[in-house]
Every structure is written in structure tokens, then in C-alpha cells.
Protein backbone atom coordinates (compact mmCIF):
# COMPACT_ATOMS: atom_id res chain seq x y z
CA MET A 1 0.00 0.00 0.00
CA MET A 2 2.91 2.31 0.71
CA ALA A 3 4.19 1.70 -2.82
CA LEU A 4 0.89 2.96 -4.26
CA PHE A 5 1.09 6.07 -2.07
CA LEU A 6 4.64 6.82 -3.21
CA LEU A 7 3.76 6.17 -6.85
CA LEU A 8 0.86 8.62 -6.71
CA VAL A 9 3.06 11.24 -5.03
CA LEU A 10 5.63 10.78 -7.78
CA VAL A 11 2.96 11.13 -10.49
CA ALA A 12 1.63 14.29 -8.82
CA VAL A 13 5.12 15.82 -8.66
CA VAL A 14 5.86 15.01 -12.30
CA LEU A 15 2.53 16.44 -13.45
CA GLY A 16 3.15 19.55 -11.36
CA ILE A 17 6.63 20.09 -12.80
CA ILE A 18 5.46 19.62 -16.38
CA GLY A 19 2.46 21.87 -15.80
CA ALA A 20 4.57 24.62 -14.25
CA ALA A 21 7.38 24.43 -16.81
CA ALA A 22 5.39 24.23 -20.05
CA SER A 23 3.36 27.25 -21.04
CA GLY A 24 -0.28 26.51 -21.72
CA LEU A 25 -0.29 23.31 -19.68
CA GLY A 26 -1.51 24.77 -16.41
CA TYR A 27 -4.20 22.12 -16.28
CA LEU A 28 -1.47 19.53 -15.62
CA LEU A 29 -0.35 21.56 -12.62
CA ALA A 30 -3.93 21.63 -11.33
CA LEU A 31 -4.29 17.90 -11.99
CA GLY A 32 -1.07 17.21 -10.09
CA ILE A 33 -2.36 19.19 -7.11
CA VAL A 34 -5.67 17.29 -7.18
CA VAL A 35 -3.91 13.91 -7.36
CA PHE A 36 -1.62 14.89 -4.47
CA ALA A 37 -4.53 16.08 -2.31
CA ALA A 38 -6.56 12.94 -3.03
CA ASP A 39 -3.54 10.81 -2.19
CA LEU A 40 -3.05 12.54 1.16
CA ILE A 41 -6.75 12.18 2.02
CA PHE A 42 -6.71 8.49 1.11
CA PHE A 43 -3.54 7.85 3.11
CA GLY A 44 -4.87 9.77 6.11
CA ALA A 45 -8.15 7.85 6.08
CA ARG A 46 -6.33 4.55 5.84
CA LEU A 47 -3.96 5.51 8.64
CA SER A 48 -6.79 6.58 10.95
CA ARG A 49 -8.72 3.39 10.22
CA ARG A 50 -5.70 1.32 11.18
CA ALA A 51 -5.16 3.31 14.41
CA ARG A 52 -8.70 2.53 15.64
CA ARG A 53 -8.13 -1.21 15.84
CA ARG A 54 -7.11 -2.20 19.33
CA PRO A 55 -6.07 -5.70 20.33
CA VAL A 56 -8.73 -7.59 22.31
CA ARG A 57 -7.55 -8.66 25.75
């Protein structure tokens, strides 16, 4: 699961760099930001779900 998180972060960074560097491709920058935000939300939800489980004594 961590590999998917890192892959999506890498994709978001690449899209952001291409969108910022190339003129007229600002939509790629916006898409990179959206992918990064969705990735953080997904990772945070998964992390909080895992933290709720407590071992039964």
C-alpha cells in the first residue's frame, strides 16, 4: 500500500513540474495538485482506520 502512495506522489510531482514548466499546460499543474490532495486524504483515512483497531484482551 505504501508503494501505491509513493507512486501517486511521484505522479503528482511530475505532473506539477510539467504543468509549471510548459506554457499553456496549467491544467497539468492543477491535476497534479488534485492527485496529491486525493492521495493525502486516502492515506490519512487509511492511517486513521488502522489506528482505531485495538487488540482484544
